[in-house]
Amino acid sequence: MLVVKHQLKNGRNPNYQGMSFKELYSSCREAFLVSTDVALRAQLTEFLDHKLAKLKRTAEGTENITIPIKNILLEQFLNEHN
């Protein structure tokens, strides 16, 4: 849900490259969802394997997570699950 909200908020920006893994980890840790980055990567594995999320490394070495689904569908998903 954190990635969905981030992508909906920032996805209209043509330079949007996704939510950084570091930012996602920080947000998840604050919400007591994970305690280590390894635990977060383990949870993301299923989404990455089924291509519901993409993890890309930038030229600077930052890992960014995106959801390859149109924003209108993400908005519907968010509305249904809030």
PDB file of N, CA and C in Angstrom:
ATOM      1  N   MET A   1       0.832  -1.195   0.000  1.00  0.00           N
ATOM      2  CA  MET A   1       0.000   0.000   0.000  1.00  0.00           C
ATOM      3  C   MET A   1       0.878   1.262   0.000  1.00  0.00           C
ATOM      4  N   LEU A   2       2.029   1.172   0.680  1.00  0.00           N
ATOM      5  CA  LEU A   2       2.911   2.342   0.714  1.00  0.00           C
ATOM      6  C   LEU A   2       3.417   2.691  -0.686  1.00  0.00           C
ATOM      7  N   VAL A   3       3.758   1.682  -1.456  1.00  0.00           N
ATOM      8  CA  VAL A   3       4.249   1.923  -2.820  1.00  0.00           C
ATOM      9  C   VAL A   3       3.115   2.435  -3.699  1.00  0.00           C
ATOM     10  N   VAL A   4       1.920   1.878  -3.545  1.00  0.00           N
ATOM     11  CA  VAL A   4       0.755   2.332  -4.325  1.00  0.00           C
ATOM     12  C   VAL A   4       0.504   3.810  -4.062  1.00  0.00           C
ATOM     13  N   LYS A   5       0.448   4.195  -2.800  1.00  0.00           N
ATOM     14  CA  LYS A   5       0.189   5.593  -2.451  1.00  0.00           C
ATOM     15  C   LYS A   5       1.282   6.514  -2.982  1.00  0.00           C
ATOM     16  N   HIS A   6       2.529   6.084  -2.858  1.00  0.00           N
ATOM     17  CA  HIS A   6       3.655   6.884  -3.343  1.00  0.00           C
ATOM     18  C   HIS A   6       3.577   7.057  -4.853  1.00  0.00           C
ATOM     19  N   GLN A   7       3.263   5.970  -5.555  1.00  0.00           N
ATOM     20  CA  GLN A   7       3.201   6.033  -7.009  1.00  0.00           C
ATOM     21  C   GLN A   7       2.041   6.908  -7.476  1.00  0.00           C
ATOM     22  N   LEU A   8       0.906   6.822  -6.811  1.00  0.00           N
ATOM     23  CA  LEU A   8      -0.225   7.674  -7.191  1.00  0.00           C
ATOM     24  C   LEU A   8       0.077   9.150  -6.928  1.00  0.00           C
ATOM     25  N   LYS A   9       0.785   9.422  -5.857  1.00  0.00           N
ATOM     26  CA  LYS A   9       1.114  10.799  -5.501  1.00  0.00           C
ATOM     27  C   LYS A   9       2.138  11.401  -6.461  1.00  0.00           C
ATOM     28  N   ASN A  10       3.113  10.591  -6.885  1.00  0.00           N
ATOM     29  CA  ASN A  10       4.233  11.106  -7.679  1.00  0.00           C
ATOM     30  C   ASN A  10       4.275  10.619  -9.121  1.00  0.00           C
ATOM     31  N   GLY A  11       3.438   9.673  -9.475  1.00  0.00           N
ATOM     32  CA  GLY A  11       3.525   9.021 -10.778  1.00  0.00           C
ATOM     33  C   GLY A  11       3.234   9.888 -11.979  1.00  0.00           C
ATOM     34  N   ARG A  12       2.575  11.016 -11.785  1.00  0.00           N
ATOM     35  CA  ARG A  12       2.274  11.896 -12.913  1.00  0.00           C
ATOM     36  C   ARG A  12       3.499  12.698 -13.354  1.00  0.00           C
ATOM     37  N   ASN A  13       4.513  12.716 -12.519  1.00  0.00           N
ATOM     38  CA  ASN A  13       5.764  13.389 -12.846  1.00  0.00           C
ATOM     39  C   ASN A  13       6.470  12.581 -13.945  1.00  0.00           C
ATOM     40  N   PRO A  14       6.809  13.215 -15.075  1.00  0.00           N
ATOM     41  CA  PRO A  14       7.455  12.455 -16.163  1.00  0.00           C
ATOM     42  C   PRO A  14       8.824  11.889 -15.785  1.00  0.00           C
ATOM     43  N   ASN A  15       9.457  12.422 -14.753  1.00  0.00           N
ATOM     44  CA  ASN A  15      10.761  11.936 -14.318  1.00  0.00           C
ATOM     45  C   ASN A  15      10.666  10.918 -13.190  1.00  0.00           C
ATOM     46  N   TYR A  16       9.446  10.486 -12.859  1.00  0.00           N
ATOM     47  CA  TYR A  16       9.243   9.541 -11.758  1.00  0.00           C
ATOM     48  C   TYR A  16       9.904   8.208 -12.079  1.00  0.00           C
ATOM     49  N   GLN A  17      10.776   7.759 -11.178  1.00  0.00           N
ATOM     50  CA  GLN A  17      11.489   6.501 -11.375  1.00  0.00           C
ATOM     51  C   GLN A  17      11.070   5.449 -10.365  1.00  0.00           C
ATOM     52  N   GLY A  18      10.163   5.787  -9.473  1.00  0.00           N
ATOM     53  CA  GLY A  18       9.705   4.833  -8.482  1.00  0.00           C
ATOM     54  C   GLY A  18      10.075   5.263  -7.077  1.00  0.00           C
ATOM     55  N   MET A  19       9.641   4.461  -6.121  1.00  0.00           N
ATOM     56  CA  MET A  19       9.956   4.709  -4.716  1.00  0.00           C
ATOM     57  C   MET A  19      11.277   4.014  -4.403  1.00  0.00           C
ATOM     58  N   SER A  20      12.184   4.722  -3.808  1.00  0.00           N
ATOM     59  CA  SER A  20      13.475   4.103  -3.509  1.00  0.00           C
ATOM     60  C   SER A  20      13.295   3.028  -2.442  1.00  0.00           C
ATOM     61  N   PHE A  21      14.079   1.980  -2.567  1.00  0.00           N
ATOM     62  CA  PHE A  21      14.011   0.887  -1.601  1.00  0.00           C
ATOM     63  C   PHE A  21      14.312   1.420  -0.205  1.00  0.00           C
ATOM     64  N   LYS A  22      15.256   2.324  -0.126  1.00  0.00           N
ATOM     65  CA  LYS A  22      15.640   2.900   1.170  1.00  0.00           C
ATOM     66  C   LYS A  22      14.453   3.630   1.816  1.00  0.00           C
ATOM     67  N   GLU A  23      13.718   4.395   1.010  1.00  0.00           N
ATOM     68  CA  GLU A  23      12.551   5.124   1.511  1.00  0.00           C
ATOM     69  C   GLU A  23      11.446   4.149   1.934  1.00  0.00           C
ATOM     70  N   LEU A  24      11.239   3.110   1.117  1.00  0.00           N
ATOM     71  CA  LEU A  24      10.229   2.105   1.458  1.00  0.00           C
ATOM     72  C   LEU A  24      10.604   1.389   2.752  1.00  0.00           C
ATOM     73  N   TYR A  25      11.855   1.021   2.888  1.00  0.00           N
ATOM     74  CA  TYR A  25      12.306   0.344   4.103  1.00  0.00           C
ATOM     75  C   TYR A  25      12.090   1.235   5.326  1.00  0.00           C
ATOM     76  N   SER A  26      12.442   2.502   5.188  1.00  0.00           N
ATOM     77  CA  SER A  26      12.270   3.436   6.291  1.00  0.00           C
ATOM     78  C   SER A  26      10.799   3.552   6.696  1.00  0.00           C
ATOM     79  N   SER A  27       9.920   3.675   5.702  1.00  0.00           N
ATOM     80  CA  SER A  27       8.483   3.778   5.980  1.00  0.00           C
ATOM     81  C   SER A  27       7.941   2.499   6.612  1.00  0.00           C
ATOM     82  N   CYS A  28       8.381   1.363   6.118  1.00  0.00           N
ATOM     83  CA  CYS A  28       7.924   0.078   6.667  1.00  0.00           C
ATOM     84  C   CYS A  28       8.434  -0.124   8.090  1.00  0.00           C
ATOM     85  N   ARG A  29       9.641   0.297   8.332  1.00  0.00           N
ATOM     86  CA  ARG A  29      10.212   0.156   9.671  1.00  0.00           C
ATOM     87  C   ARG A  29       9.467   1.051  10.673  1.00  0.00           C
ATOM     88  N   GLU A  30       9.145   2.281  10.264  1.00  0.00           N
ATOM     89  CA  GLU A  30       8.396   3.201  11.124  1.00  0.00           C
ATOM     90  C   GLU A  30       7.011   2.651  11.460  1.00  0.00           C
ATOM     91  N   ALA A  31       6.417   1.922  10.499  1.00  0.00           N
ATOM     92  CA  ALA A  31       5.079   1.356  10.703  1.00  0.00           C
ATOM     93  C   ALA A  31       5.139  -0.028  11.359  1.00  0.00           C
ATOM     94  N   PHE A  32       6.324  -0.448  11.772  1.00  0.00           N
ATOM     95  CA  PHE A  32       6.545  -1.750  12.411  1.00  0.00           C
ATOM     96  C   PHE A  32       6.112  -2.918  11.527  1.00  0.00           C
ATOM     97  N   LEU A  33       6.323  -2.780  10.210  1.00  0.00           N
ATOM     98  CA  LEU A  33       5.983  -3.851   9.277  1.00  0.00           C
ATOM     99  C   LEU A  33       7.152  -4.809   9.071  1.00  0.00           C
ATOM    100  N   VAL A  34       8.373  -4.297   9.176  1.00  0.00           N
ATOM    101  CA  VAL A  34       9.590  -5.115   9.060  1.00  0.00           C
ATOM    102  C   VAL A  34      10.618  -4.600  10.043  1.00  0.00           C
ATOM    103  N   SER A  35      11.570  -5.467  10.349  1.00  0.00           N
ATOM    104  CA  SER A  35      12.633  -5.038  11.258  1.00  0.00           C
ATOM    105  C   SER A  35      13.989  -4.942  10.561  1.00  0.00           C
ATOM    106  N   THR A  36      14.116  -5.591   9.393  1.00  0.00           N
ATOM    107  CA  THR A  36      15.376  -5.530   8.644  1.00  0.00           C
ATOM    108  C   THR A  36      15.080  -5.375   7.160  1.00  0.00           C
ATOM    109  N   ASP A  37      16.085  -4.902   6.417  1.00  0.00           N
ATOM    110  CA  ASP A  37      15.908  -4.795   4.972  1.00  0.00           C
ATOM    111  C   ASP A  37      15.805  -6.172   4.328  1.00  0.00           C
ATOM    112  N   VAL A  38      16.422  -7.174   4.934  1.00  0.00           N
ATOM    113  CA  VAL A  38      16.333  -8.543   4.433  1.00  0.00           C
ATOM    114  C   VAL A  38      14.886  -9.040   4.522  1.00  0.00           C
ATOM    115  N   ALA A  39      14.204  -8.719   5.609  1.00  0.00           N
ATOM    116  CA  ALA A  39      12.802  -9.116   5.779  1.00  0.00           C
ATOM    117  C   ALA A  39      11.924  -8.437   4.727  1.00  0.00           C
ATOM    118  N   LEU A  40      12.212  -7.178   4.427  1.00  0.00           N
ATOM    119  CA  LEU A  40      11.439  -6.466   3.407  1.00  0.00           C
ATOM    120  C   LEU A  40      11.673  -7.091   2.041  1.00  0.00           C
ATOM    121  N   ARG A  41      12.921  -7.402   1.725  1.00  0.00           N
ATOM    122  CA  ARG A  41      13.226  -8.041   0.441  1.00  0.00           C
ATOM    123  C   ARG A  41      12.515  -9.392   0.317  1.00  0.00           C
ATOM    124  N   ALA A  42      12.445 -10.127   1.417  1.00  0.00           N
ATOM    125  CA  ALA A  42      11.754 -11.414   1.406  1.00  0.00           C
ATOM    126  C   ALA A  42      10.269 -11.218   1.110  1.00  0.00           C
ATOM    127  N   GLN A  43       9.672 -10.195   1.686  1.00  0.00           N
ATOM    128  CA  GLN A  43       8.257  -9.925   1.436  1.00  0.00           C
ATOM    129  C   GLN A  43       8.016  -9.441   0.004  1.00  0.00           C
ATOM    130  N   LEU A  44       8.955  -8.702  -0.552  1.00  0.00           N
ATOM    131  CA  LEU A  44       8.815  -8.188  -1.916  1.00  0.00           C
ATOM    132  C   LEU A  44       9.021  -9.267  -2.976  1.00  0.00           C
ATOM    133  N   THR A  45       9.693 -10.353  -2.619  1.00  0.00           N
ATOM    134  CA  THR A  45      10.024 -11.402  -3.582  1.00  0.00           C
ATOM    135  C   THR A  45       8.800 -11.912  -4.326  1.00  0.00           C
ATOM    136  N   GLU A  46       7.729 -12.174  -3.618  1.00  0.00           N
ATOM    137  CA  GLU A  46       6.515 -12.695  -4.249  1.00  0.00           C
ATOM    138  C   GLU A  46       5.957 -11.708  -5.270  1.00  0.00           C
ATOM    139  N   PHE A  47       5.940 -10.429  -4.935  1.00  0.00           N
ATOM    140  CA  PHE A  47       5.444  -9.407  -5.864  1.00  0.00           C
ATOM    141  C   PHE A  47       6.349  -9.297  -7.091  1.00  0.00           C
ATOM    142  N   LEU A  48       7.644  -9.375  -6.883  1.00  0.00           N
ATOM    143  CA  LEU A  48       8.593  -9.294  -7.990  1.00  0.00           C
ATOM    144  C   LEU A  48       8.502 -10.531  -8.875  1.00  0.00           C
ATOM    145  N   ASP A  49       8.383 -11.706  -8.275  1.00  0.00           N
ATOM    146  CA  ASP A  49       8.297 -12.955  -9.042  1.00  0.00           C
ATOM    147  C   ASP A  49       7.065 -12.989  -9.941  1.00  0.00           C
ATOM    148  N   HIS A  50       5.960 -12.426  -9.463  1.00  0.00           N
ATOM    149  CA  HIS A  50       4.719 -12.432 -10.234  1.00  0.00           C
ATOM    150  C   HIS A  50       4.529 -11.160 -11.049  1.00  0.00           C
ATOM    151  N   LYS A  51       5.598 -10.358 -11.109  1.00  0.00           N
ATOM    152  CA  LYS A  51       5.630  -9.127 -11.912  1.00  0.00           C
ATOM    153  C   LYS A  51       4.549  -8.119 -11.523  1.00  0.00           C
ATOM    154  N   LEU A  52       4.193  -8.112 -10.237  1.00  0.00           N
ATOM    155  CA  LEU A  52       3.281  -7.100  -9.716  1.00  0.00           C
ATOM    156  C   LEU A  52       4.048  -5.867  -9.257  1.00  0.00           C
ATOM    157  N   ALA A  53       5.356  -6.005  -9.179  1.00  0.00           N
ATOM    158  CA  ALA A  53       6.246  -4.893  -8.840  1.00  0.00           C
ATOM    159  C   ALA A  53       7.543  -5.091  -9.610  1.00  0.00           C
ATOM    160  N   LYS A  54       8.224  -3.988  -9.882  1.00  0.00           N
ATOM    161  CA  LYS A  54       9.520  -4.031 -10.565  1.00  0.00           C
ATOM    162  C   LYS A  54      10.545  -3.321  -9.703  1.00  0.00           C
ATOM    163  N   LEU A  55      11.728  -3.873  -9.660  1.00  0.00           N
ATOM    164  CA  LEU A  55      12.837  -3.284  -8.923  1.00  0.00           C
ATOM    165  C   LEU A  55      13.921  -2.960  -9.937  1.00  0.00           C
ATOM    166  N   LYS A  56      14.236  -1.676 -10.072  1.00  0.00           N
ATOM    167  CA  LYS A  56      15.255  -1.239 -11.031  1.00  0.00           C
ATOM    168  C   LYS A  56      16.340  -0.465 -10.306  1.00  0.00           C
ATOM    169  N   ARG A  57      17.550  -0.671 -10.749  1.00  0.00           N
ATOM    170  CA  ARG A  57      18.693   0.053 -10.190  1.00  0.00           C
ATOM    171  C   ARG A  57      19.042   1.204 -11.139  1.00  0.00           C
ATOM    172  N   THR A  58      19.186   2.398 -10.573  1.00  0.00           N
ATOM    173  CA  THR A  58      19.538   3.573 -11.377  1.00  0.00           C
ATOM    174  C   THR A  58      21.047   3.594 -11.609  1.00  0.00           C
ATOM    175  N   ALA A  59      21.482   4.537 -12.431  1.00  0.00           N
ATOM    176  CA  ALA A  59      22.914   4.685 -12.710  1.00  0.00           C
ATOM    177  C   ALA A  59      23.692   5.039 -11.445  1.00  0.00           C
ATOM    178  N   GLU A  60      23.010   5.696 -10.496  1.00  0.00           N
ATOM    179  CA  GLU A  60      23.653   6.071  -9.230  1.00  0.00           C
ATOM    180  C   GLU A  60      23.713   4.906  -8.249  1.00  0.00           C
ATOM    181  N   GLY A  61      23.030   3.810  -8.573  1.00  0.00           N
ATOM    182  CA  GLY A  61      23.031   2.644  -7.696  1.00  0.00           C
ATOM    183  C   GLY A  61      21.824   2.535  -6.784  1.00  0.00           C
ATOM    184  N   THR A  62      20.887   3.471  -6.885  1.00  0.00           N
ATOM    185  CA  THR A  62      19.679   3.440  -6.067  1.00  0.00           C
ATOM    186  C   THR A  62      18.707   2.420  -6.636  1.00  0.00           C
ATOM    187  N   GLU A  63      18.099   1.626  -5.769  1.00  0.00           N
ATOM    188  CA  GLU A  63      17.074   0.683  -6.209  1.00  0.00           C
ATOM    189  C   GLU A  63      15.709   1.340  -6.055  1.00  0.00           C
ATOM    190  N   ASN A  64      14.935   1.335  -7.136  1.00  0.00           N
ATOM    191  CA  ASN A  64      13.609   1.930  -7.131  1.00  0.00           C
ATOM    192  C   ASN A  64      12.558   0.873  -7.417  1.00  0.00           C
ATOM    193  N   ILE A  65      11.440   0.974  -6.712  1.00  0.00           N
ATOM    194  CA  ILE A  65      10.344   0.031  -6.873  1.00  0.00           C
ATOM    195  C   ILE A  65       9.180   0.741  -7.548  1.00  0.00           C
ATOM    196  N   THR A  66       8.642   0.117  -8.584  1.00  0.00           N
ATOM    197  CA  THR A  66       7.457   0.628  -9.256  1.00  0.00           C
ATOM    198  C   THR A  66       6.441  -0.505  -9.395  1.00  0.00           C
ATOM    199  N   ILE A  67       5.206  -0.113  -9.603  1.00  0.00           N
ATOM    200  CA  ILE A  67       4.131  -1.070  -9.855  1.00  0.00           C
ATOM    201  C   ILE A  67       3.709  -0.857 -11.300  1.00  0.00           C
ATOM    202  N   PRO A  68       3.890  -1.866 -12.163  1.00  0.00           N
ATOM    203  CA  PRO A  68       3.603  -1.688 -13.593  1.00  0.00           C
ATOM    204  C   PRO A  68       2.111  -1.830 -13.924  1.00  0.00           C
ATOM    205  N   ILE A  69       1.294  -1.057 -13.239  1.00  0.00           N
ATOM    206  CA  ILE A  69      -0.151  -1.071 -13.437  1.00  0.00           C
ATOM    207  C   ILE A  69      -0.596   0.377 -13.604  1.00  0.00           C
ATOM    208  N   LYS A  70      -1.572   0.602 -14.462  1.00  0.00           N
ATOM    209  CA  LYS A  70      -2.051   1.967 -14.712  1.00  0.00           C
ATOM    210  C   LYS A  70      -2.592   2.585 -13.427  1.00  0.00           C
ATOM    211  N   ASN A  71      -2.400   3.885 -13.321  1.00  0.00           N
ATOM    212  CA  ASN A  71      -2.806   4.607 -12.113  1.00  0.00           C
ATOM    213  C   ASN A  71      -4.295   4.497 -11.821  1.00  0.00           C
ATOM    214  N   ILE A  72      -5.118   4.440 -12.851  1.00  0.00           N
ATOM    215  CA  ILE A  72      -6.564   4.351 -12.616  1.00  0.00           C
ATOM    216  C   ILE A  72      -6.912   3.042 -11.898  1.00  0.00           C
ATOM    217  N   LEU A  73      -6.218   1.963 -12.242  1.00  0.00           N
ATOM    218  CA  LEU A  73      -6.444   0.688 -11.564  1.00  0.00           C
ATOM    219  C   LEU A  73      -5.900   0.722 -10.143  1.00  0.00           C
ATOM    220  N   LEU A  74      -4.784   1.402  -9.952  1.00  0.00           N
ATOM    221  CA  LEU A  74      -4.229   1.546  -8.602  1.00  0.00           C
ATOM    222  C   LEU A  74      -5.177   2.356  -7.721  1.00  0.00           C
ATOM    223  N   GLU A  75      -5.799   3.385  -8.291  1.00  0.00           N
ATOM    224  CA  GLU A  75      -6.763   4.192  -7.539  1.00  0.00           C
ATOM    225  C   GLU A  75      -7.970   3.352  -7.135  1.00  0.00           C
ATOM    226  N   GLN A  76      -8.463   2.523  -8.050  1.00  0.00           N
ATOM    227  CA  GLN A  76      -9.578   1.631  -7.732  1.00  0.00           C
ATOM    228  C   GLN A  76      -9.198   0.673  -6.606  1.00  0.00           C
ATOM    229  N   PHE A  77      -8.011   0.103  -6.695  1.00  0.00           N
ATOM    230  CA  PHE A  77      -7.521  -0.812  -5.671  1.00  0.00           C
ATOM    231  C   PHE A  77      -7.455  -0.116  -4.321  1.00  0.00           C
ATOM    232  N   LEU A  78      -6.907   1.086  -4.317  1.00  0.00           N
ATOM    233  CA  LEU A  78      -6.775   1.840  -3.079  1.00  0.00           C
ATOM    234  C   LEU A  78      -8.145   2.159  -2.485  1.00  0.00           C
ATOM    235  N   ASN A  79      -9.095   2.563  -3.310  1.00  0.00           N
ATOM    236  CA  ASN A  79     -10.451   2.871  -2.842  1.00  0.00           C
ATOM    237  C   ASN A  79     -11.139   1.650  -2.259  1.00  0.00           C
ATOM    238  N   GLU A  80     -10.928   0.502  -2.863  1.00  0.00           N
ATOM    239  CA  GLU A  80     -11.560  -0.729  -2.388  1.00  0.00           C
ATOM    240  C   GLU A  80     -10.952  -1.243  -1.088  1.00  0.00           C
ATOM    241  N   HIS A  81      -9.692  -0.900  -0.840  1.00  0.00           N
ATOM    242  CA  HIS A  81      -9.002  -1.435   0.339  1.00  0.00           C
ATOM    243  C   HIS A  81      -8.779  -0.420   1.440  1.00  0.00           C
ATOM    244  N   ASN A  82      -9.434   0.699   1.367  1.00  0.00           N
ATOM    245  CA  ASN A  82      -9.354   1.695   2.459  1.00  0.00           C
ATOM    246  C   ASN A  82     -10.606   1.703   3.272  1.00  0.00           C
TER     247      ASN A  82
END
